[in-house]
Amino acid sequence: MPRPVFILACESSAIDTESKSMSLFNLIDRFMITSQAAFAESPCEFPFPMRAVACWMKDDGDEGVDFEARFRLTTRSGWKHETPPRQFRFGAGKDFHRNVYILSLPVPLPESRHVLWLQAELARVDQSEVVAFQEYPVLIDAKWADAAPA
């Protein structure tokens, strides 16, 4: 069963063509929303595309096995968005696999602070059972600087 290595959210990324190393820029762990006028409707969209990145490490017996990876965004209040599954296979000599998904979608607008959970799960294509799971919190803080005083 593949092992979770990391999951995170960032604004952008780049892959070096020679080394295949990945660089991640502007890691996201919090959104500060200060203008109610800018997000007049709920749900609102992220202010920029957010990349979800999950890395998995091959374990004994994983080579040649087809896996299905997906991301999910969820809040504890029950809202969720799930990406379509993507299939991959660990090749010979390839110990790690990275899944990257660009998210630019409506999210529920909080009245105050809440946590948006970025989750990644992995299942074998020939089975429906999830074999590995990771999650990463993104704090969404809404402080309306332009709200009328009470």
C-alpha atoms as a PDB file:
ATOM      1  CA  MET A   1       0.000   0.000   0.000  1.00  0.00           C
ATOM      2  CA  PRO A   2       1.482   3.425  -0.945  1.00  0.00           C
ATOM      3  CA  ARG A   3       2.493   5.654   1.938  1.00  0.00           C
ATOM      4  CA  PRO A   4       1.426   9.292   2.270  1.00  0.00           C
ATOM      5  CA  VAL A   5       4.427  11.641   2.016  1.00  0.00           C
ATOM      6  CA  PHE A   6       2.793  15.076   2.039  1.00  0.00           C
ATOM      7  CA  ILE A   7      -0.260  17.069   1.065  1.00  0.00           C
ATOM      8  CA  LEU A   8      -0.424  20.847   0.817  1.00  0.00           C
ATOM      9  CA  ALA A   9      -1.906  23.786  -1.009  1.00  0.00           C
ATOM     10  CA  CYS A  10       0.102  26.389  -2.901  1.00  0.00           C
ATOM     11  CA  GLU A  11      -0.418  29.200  -5.375  1.00  0.00           C
ATOM     12  CA  SER A  12       1.877  27.824  -8.101  1.00  0.00           C
ATOM     13  CA  SER A  13       4.532  25.230  -8.835  1.00  0.00           C
ATOM     14  CA  ALA A  14       7.247  24.354 -11.339  1.00  0.00           C
ATOM     15  CA  ILE A  15       8.991  21.139 -12.326  1.00  0.00           C
ATOM     16  CA  ASP A  16      12.645  21.141 -13.360  1.00  0.00           C
ATOM     17  CA  THR A  17      12.895  19.445 -16.754  1.00  0.00           C
ATOM     18  CA  GLU A  18      16.225  17.753 -16.023  1.00  0.00           C
ATOM     19  CA  SER A  19      15.921  16.613 -12.406  1.00  0.00           C
ATOM     20  CA  LYS A  20      12.085  16.353 -12.318  1.00  0.00           C
ATOM     21  CA  SER A  21      12.269  18.107  -8.931  1.00  0.00           C
ATOM     22  CA  MET A  22       9.196  20.108  -8.020  1.00  0.00           C
ATOM     23  CA  SER A  23       9.245  23.594  -6.538  1.00  0.00           C
ATOM     24  CA  LEU A  24       6.155  24.885  -4.754  1.00  0.00           C
ATOM     25  CA  PHE A  25       5.536  28.626  -4.395  1.00  0.00           C
ATOM     26  CA  ASN A  26       3.431  30.566  -1.900  1.00  0.00           C
ATOM     27  CA  LEU A  27       2.224  27.747   0.334  1.00  0.00           C
ATOM     28  CA  ILE A  28      -1.330  28.370   1.479  1.00  0.00           C
ATOM     29  CA  ASP A  29      -2.429  27.710   5.023  1.00  0.00           C
ATOM     30  CA  ARG A  30      -4.806  30.666   5.434  1.00  0.00           C
ATOM     31  CA  PHE A  31      -7.115  32.915   3.425  1.00  0.00           C
ATOM     32  CA  MET A  32      -7.879  36.313   4.913  1.00  0.00           C
ATOM     33  CA  ILE A  33     -11.074  37.777   3.456  1.00  0.00           C
ATOM     34  CA  THR A  34     -11.486  41.389   4.543  1.00  0.00           C
ATOM     35  CA  SER A  35     -13.867  42.888   1.991  1.00  0.00           C
ATOM     36  CA  GLN A  36     -17.483  41.802   2.046  1.00  0.00           C
ATOM     37  CA  ALA A  37     -18.077  43.755  -1.181  1.00  0.00           C
ATOM     38  CA  ALA A  38     -15.436  41.694  -2.994  1.00  0.00           C
ATOM     39  CA  PHE A  39     -17.260  38.511  -2.018  1.00  0.00           C
ATOM     40  CA  ALA A  40     -20.845  39.717  -2.106  1.00  0.00           C
ATOM     41  CA  GLU A  41     -22.272  36.270  -2.718  1.00  0.00           C
ATOM     42  CA  SER A  42     -21.714  33.017  -0.936  1.00  0.00           C
ATOM     43  CA  PRO A  43     -20.318  30.671  -2.005  1.00  0.00           C
ATOM     44  CA  CYS A  44     -17.430  32.688  -3.406  1.00  0.00           C
ATOM     45  CA  GLU A  45     -14.481  31.641  -5.566  1.00  0.00           C
ATOM     46  CA  PHE A  46     -10.885  31.450  -4.442  1.00  0.00           C
ATOM     47  CA  PRO A  47      -9.151  34.762  -5.189  1.00  0.00           C
ATOM     48  CA  PHE A  48      -6.682  32.807  -7.383  1.00  0.00           C
ATOM     49  CA  PRO A  49      -6.278  29.219  -8.519  1.00  0.00           C
ATOM     50  CA  MET A  50      -5.062  27.012  -5.683  1.00  0.00           C
ATOM     51  CA  ARG A  51      -2.961  23.956  -6.443  1.00  0.00           C
ATOM     52  CA  ALA A  52      -3.554  20.865  -4.366  1.00  0.00           C
ATOM     53  CA  VAL A  53      -0.424  18.690  -4.253  1.00  0.00           C
ATOM     54  CA  ALA A  54      -0.219  15.213  -2.744  1.00  0.00           C
ATOM     55  CA  CYS A  55       2.804  12.930  -2.845  1.00  0.00           C
ATOM     56  CA  TRP A  56       2.716   9.154  -2.358  1.00  0.00           C
ATOM     57  CA  MET A  57       5.635   6.748  -1.840  1.00  0.00           C
ATOM     58  CA  LYS A  58       5.697   3.292  -3.394  1.00  0.00           C
ATOM     59  CA  ASP A  59       5.772   0.343  -0.999  1.00  0.00           C
ATOM     60  CA  ASP A  60       6.651  -3.284  -1.675  1.00  0.00           C
ATOM     61  CA  GLY A  61       4.147  -4.817  -4.085  1.00  0.00           C
ATOM     62  CA  ASP A  62       2.910  -1.489  -5.513  1.00  0.00           C
ATOM     63  CA  GLU A  63       4.864  -1.571  -8.777  1.00  0.00           C
ATOM     64  CA  GLY A  64       2.606  -2.244 -11.747  1.00  0.00           C
ATOM     65  CA  VAL A  65      -0.599  -1.803  -9.689  1.00  0.00           C
ATOM     66  CA  ASP A  66      -3.149   0.723 -10.988  1.00  0.00           C
ATOM     67  CA  PHE A  67      -4.201   3.302  -8.405  1.00  0.00           C
ATOM     68  CA  GLU A  68      -6.880   5.972  -8.436  1.00  0.00           C
ATOM     69  CA  ALA A  69      -6.236   9.288  -6.665  1.00  0.00           C
ATOM     70  CA  ARG A  70      -8.704  12.052  -5.884  1.00  0.00           C
ATOM     71  CA  PHE A  71      -8.833  15.281  -3.928  1.00  0.00           C
ATOM     72  CA  ARG A  72     -11.694  16.531  -1.796  1.00  0.00           C
ATOM     73  CA  LEU A  73     -12.332  19.915  -0.218  1.00  0.00           C
ATOM     74  CA  THR A  74     -14.640  19.818   2.760  1.00  0.00           C
ATOM     75  CA  THR A  75     -15.789  21.796   5.772  1.00  0.00           C
ATOM     76  CA  ARG A  76     -17.040  20.406   9.052  1.00  0.00           C
ATOM     77  CA  SER A  77     -20.433  21.963   8.248  1.00  0.00           C
ATOM     78  CA  GLY A  78     -20.903  19.400   5.475  1.00  0.00           C
ATOM     79  CA  TRP A  79     -19.956  21.299   2.295  1.00  0.00           C
ATOM     80  CA  LYS A  80     -17.677  19.328  -0.028  1.00  0.00           C
ATOM     81  CA  HIS A  81     -16.248  19.250  -3.516  1.00  0.00           C
ATOM     82  CA  GLU A  82     -14.562  16.181  -4.982  1.00  0.00           C
ATOM     83  CA  THR A  83     -12.292  16.064  -8.020  1.00  0.00           C
ATOM     84  CA  PRO A  84     -12.691  13.383 -10.662  1.00  0.00           C
ATOM     85  CA  PRO A  85     -10.420  10.391 -10.006  1.00  0.00           C
ATOM     86  CA  ARG A  86      -7.079  10.173 -11.811  1.00  0.00           C
ATOM     87  CA  GLN A  87      -5.367   6.869 -12.430  1.00  0.00           C
ATOM     88  CA  PHE A  88      -1.639   6.277 -12.155  1.00  0.00           C
ATOM     89  CA  ARG A  89       0.879   3.470 -11.785  1.00  0.00           C
ATOM     90  CA  PHE A  90       4.276   3.419 -10.091  1.00  0.00           C
ATOM     91  CA  GLY A  91       6.764   2.570 -12.808  1.00  0.00           C
ATOM     92  CA  ALA A  92      10.023   0.659 -12.487  1.00  0.00           C
ATOM     93  CA  GLY A  93      12.523   2.749 -10.537  1.00  0.00           C
ATOM     94  CA  LYS A  94       9.884   5.367  -9.657  1.00  0.00           C
ATOM     95  CA  ASP A  95       9.514   5.526  -5.880  1.00  0.00           C
ATOM     96  CA  PHE A  96       7.275   8.605  -5.637  1.00  0.00           C
ATOM     97  CA  HIS A  97       4.164   9.843  -7.399  1.00  0.00           C
ATOM     98  CA  ARG A  98       2.802  13.394  -7.162  1.00  0.00           C
ATOM     99  CA  ASN A  99      -0.800  14.331  -7.879  1.00  0.00           C
ATOM    100  CA  VAL A 100      -1.457  17.983  -8.689  1.00  0.00           C
ATOM    101  CA  TYR A 101      -4.899  19.460  -9.190  1.00  0.00           C
ATOM    102  CA  ILE A 102      -5.663  23.132  -9.860  1.00  0.00           C
ATOM    103  CA  LEU A 103      -8.734  24.264  -7.940  1.00  0.00           C
ATOM    104  CA  SER A 104     -10.631  27.415  -8.811  1.00  0.00           C
ATOM    105  CA  LEU A 105     -14.123  26.858  -7.569  1.00  0.00           C
ATOM    106  CA  PRO A 106     -16.803  28.252  -5.293  1.00  0.00           C
ATOM    107  CA  VAL A 107     -16.287  27.675  -1.589  1.00  0.00           C
ATOM    108  CA  PRO A 108     -18.717  28.545   1.193  1.00  0.00           C
ATOM    109  CA  LEU A 109     -18.104  31.974   2.624  1.00  0.00           C
ATOM    110  CA  PRO A 110     -17.776  31.904   6.387  1.00  0.00           C
ATOM    111  CA  GLU A 111     -19.320  34.432   8.684  1.00  0.00           C
ATOM    112  CA  SER A 112     -16.146  34.229  10.700  1.00  0.00           C
ATOM    113  CA  ARG A 113     -13.322  31.709  10.968  1.00  0.00           C
ATOM    114  CA  HIS A 114     -13.502  28.131   9.772  1.00  0.00           C
ATOM    115  CA  VAL A 115     -11.280  25.397   8.399  1.00  0.00           C
ATOM    116  CA  LEU A 116     -11.355  24.174   4.828  1.00  0.00           C
ATOM    117  CA  TRP A 117      -9.923  20.659   4.742  1.00  0.00           C
ATOM    118  CA  LEU A 118      -7.958  19.581   1.670  1.00  0.00           C
ATOM    119  CA  GLN A 119      -8.012  15.793   1.559  1.00  0.00           C
ATOM    120  CA  ALA A 120      -6.366  13.271  -0.748  1.00  0.00           C
ATOM    121  CA  GLU A 121      -7.207   9.610  -0.965  1.00  0.00           C
ATOM    122  CA  LEU A 122      -5.857   6.680  -2.871  1.00  0.00           C
ATOM    123  CA  ALA A 123      -7.563   3.434  -3.863  1.00  0.00           C
ATOM    124  CA  ARG A 124      -6.612   0.499  -6.044  1.00  0.00           C
ATOM    125  CA  VAL A 125      -8.518   0.604  -9.320  1.00  0.00           C
ATOM    126  CA  ASP A 126      -9.629  -3.015  -8.883  1.00  0.00           C
ATOM    127  CA  GLN A 127     -11.004  -2.309  -5.375  1.00  0.00           C
ATOM    128  CA  SER A 128     -13.205   0.435  -3.984  1.00  0.00           C
ATOM    129  CA  GLU A 129     -11.531   0.558  -0.564  1.00  0.00           C
ATOM    130  CA  VAL A 130      -9.367   3.599   0.213  1.00  0.00           C
ATOM    131  CA  VAL A 131      -5.821   2.402   0.955  1.00  0.00           C
ATOM    132  CA  ALA A 132      -4.203   5.725   1.903  1.00  0.00           C
ATOM    133  CA  PHE A 133      -5.455   9.120   3.079  1.00  0.00           C
ATOM    134  CA  GLN A 134      -3.993  12.556   3.876  1.00  0.00           C
ATOM    135  CA  GLU A 135      -5.514  15.874   4.897  1.00  0.00           C
ATOM    136  CA  TYR A 136      -4.325  19.464   5.199  1.00  0.00           C
ATOM    137  CA  PRO A 137      -6.135  22.377   6.879  1.00  0.00           C
ATOM    138  CA  VAL A 138      -6.573  25.811   5.277  1.00  0.00           C
ATOM    139  CA  LEU A 139      -7.902  28.406   7.681  1.00  0.00           C
ATOM    140  CA  ILE A 140     -10.444  30.806   6.197  1.00  0.00           C
ATOM    141  CA  ASP A 141     -10.798  33.977   8.217  1.00  0.00           C
ATOM    142  CA  ALA A 142     -13.464  36.541   7.341  1.00  0.00           C
ATOM    143  CA  LYS A 143     -13.129  39.922   8.991  1.00  0.00           C
ATOM    144  CA  TRP A 144     -15.299  42.436   7.212  1.00  0.00           C
ATOM    145  CA  ALA A 145     -13.362  45.711   7.223  1.00  0.00           C
ATOM    146  CA  ASP A 146     -15.996  47.324   4.980  1.00  0.00           C
ATOM    147  CA  ALA A 147     -19.047  46.223   6.969  1.00  0.00           C
ATOM    148  CA  ALA A 148     -21.296  48.931   8.355  1.00  0.00           C
ATOM    149  CA  PRO A 149     -20.857  49.460  12.096  1.00  0.00           C
ATOM    150  CA  ALA A 150     -23.579  47.953  14.253  1.00  0.00           C
END
